[in-house]
């Protein structure tokens, strides 16, 4: 299973999301739905993981792909 690691601020915790059919890359900005509401975060990694390692019900899909790197002018 492919997952994306998203961080909401530079020093915040890393969260996993399901990229579904989106064509994403590291440094893209995405909109995701969290327990606290809709959040914007930056993809810091894309990984393949074994589905037996985690509870896949906890991996939420991304809400929208912005595809922009906020660090570039």
C-alpha atoms as a PDB file:
ATOM      1  CA  UNK A   1       0.000   0.000   0.000  1.00  0.00           C
ATOM      2  CA  UNK A   2       1.306   3.443  -0.885  1.00  0.00           C
ATOM      3  CA  UNK A   3       1.011   6.196   1.720  1.00  0.00           C
ATOM      4  CA  UNK A   4       2.036   9.824   1.869  1.00  0.00           C
ATOM      5  CA  UNK A   5       3.543  11.406   4.955  1.00  0.00           C
ATOM      6  CA  UNK A   6       2.140  14.875   5.593  1.00  0.00           C
ATOM      7  CA  UNK A   7       3.371  17.514   8.005  1.00  0.00           C
ATOM      8  CA  UNK A   8       1.296  20.594   8.867  1.00  0.00           C
ATOM      9  CA  UNK A   9       4.098  22.740  10.288  1.00  0.00           C
ATOM     10  CA  UNK A  10       7.864  22.222   9.994  1.00  0.00           C
ATOM     11  CA  UNK A  11       8.271  20.697  13.463  1.00  0.00           C
ATOM     12  CA  UNK A  12       4.883  19.022  13.853  1.00  0.00           C
ATOM     13  CA  UNK A  13       4.067  15.339  14.037  1.00  0.00           C
ATOM     14  CA  UNK A  14       3.970  13.374  10.758  1.00  0.00           C
ATOM     15  CA  UNK A  15       0.636  11.926   9.642  1.00  0.00           C
ATOM     16  CA  UNK A  16      -0.091   9.230   7.057  1.00  0.00           C
ATOM     17  CA  UNK A  17      -2.690   9.585   4.304  1.00  0.00           C
ATOM     18  CA  UNK A  18      -3.824   7.491   1.355  1.00  0.00           C
ATOM     19  CA  UNK A  19      -2.928   9.187  -1.951  1.00  0.00           C
ATOM     20  CA  UNK A  20      -5.622   7.176  -3.766  1.00  0.00           C
ATOM     21  CA  UNK A  21      -5.373   7.984  -7.489  1.00  0.00           C
ATOM     22  CA  UNK A  22      -3.691  11.376  -7.135  1.00  0.00           C
ATOM     23  CA  UNK A  23      -0.361  11.935  -8.866  1.00  0.00           C
ATOM     24  CA  UNK A  24       1.630  13.379  -5.971  1.00  0.00           C
ATOM     25  CA  UNK A  25       5.262  14.118  -5.263  1.00  0.00           C
ATOM     26  CA  UNK A  26       7.326  15.174  -2.264  1.00  0.00           C
ATOM     27  CA  UNK A  27       6.916  18.903  -1.448  1.00  0.00           C
ATOM     28  CA  UNK A  28       3.384  19.095  -2.921  1.00  0.00           C
ATOM     29  CA  UNK A  29       0.773  20.782  -0.774  1.00  0.00           C
ATOM     30  CA  UNK A  30      -2.413  18.837  -0.046  1.00  0.00           C
ATOM     31  CA  UNK A  31      -5.686  19.471   1.731  1.00  0.00           C
ATOM     32  CA  UNK A  32      -6.648  16.696   4.143  1.00  0.00           C
ATOM     33  CA  UNK A  33      -9.486  16.023   6.531  1.00  0.00           C
ATOM     34  CA  UNK A  34      -8.306  15.434  10.089  1.00  0.00           C
ATOM     35  CA  UNK A  35     -10.110  14.867  13.384  1.00  0.00           C
ATOM     36  CA  UNK A  36      -9.810  18.628  13.942  1.00  0.00           C
ATOM     37  CA  UNK A  37     -11.196  19.603  10.531  1.00  0.00           C
ATOM     38  CA  UNK A  38      -9.762  20.506   7.130  1.00  0.00           C
ATOM     39  CA  UNK A  39      -6.008  21.144   7.173  1.00  0.00           C
ATOM     40  CA  UNK A  40      -3.347  22.061   4.622  1.00  0.00           C
ATOM     41  CA  UNK A  41      -0.029  20.233   4.804  1.00  0.00           C
ATOM     42  CA  UNK A  42       3.116  19.457   2.874  1.00  0.00           C
ATOM     43  CA  UNK A  43       4.099  15.998   1.639  1.00  0.00           C
ATOM     44  CA  UNK A  44       7.459  15.106   3.143  1.00  0.00           C
ATOM     45  CA  UNK A  45       7.660  11.481   1.936  1.00  0.00           C
ATOM     46  CA  UNK A  46       5.900   8.872  -0.182  1.00  0.00           C
ATOM     47  CA  UNK A  47       6.310   5.282   0.983  1.00  0.00           C
ATOM     48  CA  UNK A  48       5.189   1.747   0.272  1.00  0.00           C
ATOM     49  CA  UNK A  49       4.175  -0.093   3.424  1.00  0.00           C
ATOM     50  CA  UNK A  50       2.944  -3.571   4.213  1.00  0.00           C
ATOM     51  CA  UNK A  51      -0.793  -3.488   4.973  1.00  0.00           C
ATOM     52  CA  UNK A  52      -0.243  -5.994   7.789  1.00  0.00           C
ATOM     53  CA  UNK A  53       1.938  -3.476   9.643  1.00  0.00           C
ATOM     54  CA  UNK A  54      -0.850  -0.973  10.308  1.00  0.00           C
ATOM     55  CA  UNK A  55      -4.591  -0.628  10.691  1.00  0.00           C
ATOM     56  CA  UNK A  56      -5.536   0.658   7.231  1.00  0.00           C
ATOM     57  CA  UNK A  57      -8.859   1.971   8.558  1.00  0.00           C
ATOM     58  CA  UNK A  58      -6.861   4.742  10.222  1.00  0.00           C
ATOM     59  CA  UNK A  59      -5.309   5.908   6.937  1.00  0.00           C
ATOM     60  CA  UNK A  60      -7.553   8.657   5.597  1.00  0.00           C
ATOM     61  CA  UNK A  61      -7.639   9.776   1.956  1.00  0.00           C
ATOM     62  CA  UNK A  62      -6.434  13.200   0.928  1.00  0.00           C
ATOM     63  CA  UNK A  63      -9.180  15.739   0.323  1.00  0.00           C
ATOM     64  CA  UNK A  64      -7.604  17.758  -2.488  1.00  0.00           C
ATOM     65  CA  UNK A  65      -4.261  18.081  -4.249  1.00  0.00           C
ATOM     66  CA  UNK A  66      -2.928  21.602  -4.625  1.00  0.00           C
ATOM     67  CA  UNK A  67       0.345  20.525  -6.229  1.00  0.00           C
ATOM     68  CA  UNK A  68       2.217  23.640  -5.169  1.00  0.00           C
ATOM     69  CA  UNK A  69       5.400  24.009  -3.184  1.00  0.00           C
ATOM     70  CA  UNK A  70       4.888  26.880  -0.735  1.00  0.00           C
ATOM     71  CA  UNK A  71       8.659  27.241  -0.303  1.00  0.00           C
ATOM     72  CA  UNK A  72       9.126  28.268  -3.957  1.00  0.00           C
ATOM     73  CA  UNK A  73       8.307  31.840  -5.026  1.00  0.00           C
END
